[in-house]
């Protein structure tokens, strides 16, 4: 998908408008934070990494958390027991 946009003055900076079709395709919403970098003479925008809350992480697993013990084996040195 290629589109052209114009650079316009925006306060003391310059800005562009990103077409709605591109925002929808990338699931970018108003007030989302984007990272910007210059790479090989191109401007690259990426959604910034957002840490999920504990509740969001649990919801991804159907609301269930399975806890299991891990067997580390027999002590080999001066481990505190």
Protein backbone atom coordinates (compact mmCIF):
# COMPACT_ATOMS: atom_id res chain seq x y z
CA UNK A 1 0.00 0.00 0.00
CA UNK A 2 1.61 3.25 -1.12
CA UNK A 3 0.17 6.69 -0.59
CA UNK A 4 1.63 10.15 -0.72
CA UNK A 5 1.29 12.68 2.08
CA UNK A 6 2.41 16.30 2.31
CA UNK A 7 4.62 17.73 5.05
CA UNK A 8 2.82 20.69 6.64
CA UNK A 9 3.77 23.15 9.37
CA UNK A 10 2.51 22.21 12.83
CA UNK A 11 3.50 24.75 15.46
CA UNK A 12 7.32 24.95 15.53
CA UNK A 13 7.60 21.52 13.84
CA UNK A 14 6.49 19.83 10.65
CA UNK A 15 3.86 17.09 10.47
CA UNK A 16 2.11 14.63 8.21
CA UNK A 17 -1.34 13.08 8.36
CA UNK A 18 -1.43 9.30 8.23
CA UNK A 19 -4.40 8.02 6.21
CA UNK A 20 -7.14 6.23 8.16
CA UNK A 21 -6.78 3.07 6.05
CA UNK A 22 -3.14 2.68 7.14
CA UNK A 23 -3.95 3.38 10.80
CA UNK A 24 -6.70 0.74 10.73
CA UNK A 25 -4.48 -1.83 9.01
CA UNK A 26 -1.79 -1.38 11.70
CA UNK A 27 -4.28 -1.04 14.58
CA UNK A 28 -2.94 2.41 15.53
CA UNK A 29 -5.33 4.53 17.57
CA UNK A 30 -5.45 8.13 18.73
CA UNK A 31 -2.87 8.79 21.48
CA UNK A 32 -0.86 5.61 20.72
CA UNK A 33 2.88 6.14 21.12
CA UNK A 34 5.06 5.54 18.06
CA UNK A 35 8.82 5.15 17.83
CA UNK A 36 10.46 7.01 14.97
CA UNK A 37 13.87 6.33 13.45
CA UNK A 38 15.78 6.99 10.25
CA UNK A 39 16.94 3.81 8.54
CA UNK A 40 18.59 3.72 5.10
CA UNK A 41 17.25 7.17 4.13
CA UNK A 42 13.71 6.24 5.21
CA UNK A 43 11.56 7.33 8.13
CA UNK A 44 10.35 4.26 10.03
CA UNK A 45 7.44 4.46 12.50
CA UNK A 46 6.65 1.57 14.87
CA UNK A 47 4.18 1.16 17.69
CA UNK A 48 6.07 1.48 20.94
CA UNK A 49 6.18 -1.62 23.13
CA UNK A 50 3.47 -1.48 25.78
CA UNK A 51 3.80 -3.54 28.93
CA UNK A 52 0.66 -5.50 29.67
CA UNK A 53 -0.94 -5.54 33.07
CA UNK A 54 -1.21 -8.78 35.02
CA UNK A 55 -4.94 -8.84 34.29
CA UNK A 56 -4.33 -8.47 30.52
CA UNK A 57 -1.83 -11.32 30.59
CA UNK A 58 -4.20 -13.61 32.53
CA UNK A 59 -7.03 -12.77 30.10
CA UNK A 60 -4.87 -14.05 27.21
CA UNK A 61 -4.86 -17.48 28.87
CA UNK A 62 -8.60 -17.68 29.37
CA UNK A 63 -8.38 -16.36 32.91
CA UNK A 64 -6.52 -19.41 34.21
CA UNK A 65 -3.01 -19.68 35.53
CA UNK A 66 -1.43 -23.08 35.97
CA UNK A 67 1.31 -23.30 38.54
CA UNK A 68 3.62 -26.26 38.58
CA UNK A 69 6.67 -27.11 40.63
CA UNK A 70 9.99 -27.34 38.87
CA UNK A 71 12.44 -30.03 39.86
CA UNK A 72 15.90 -28.50 39.99
CA UNK A 73 17.51 -31.84 40.92
CA UNK A 74 19.60 -32.68 43.95
CA UNK A 75 21.71 -29.95 45.61
CA UNK A 76 25.26 -29.91 44.21
CA UNK A 77 27.04 -27.42 46.39
CA UNK A 78 26.36 -25.02 49.23
CA UNK A 79 22.78 -24.13 48.26
CA UNK A 80 20.66 -22.76 51.08
CA UNK A 81 17.74 -25.03 51.83
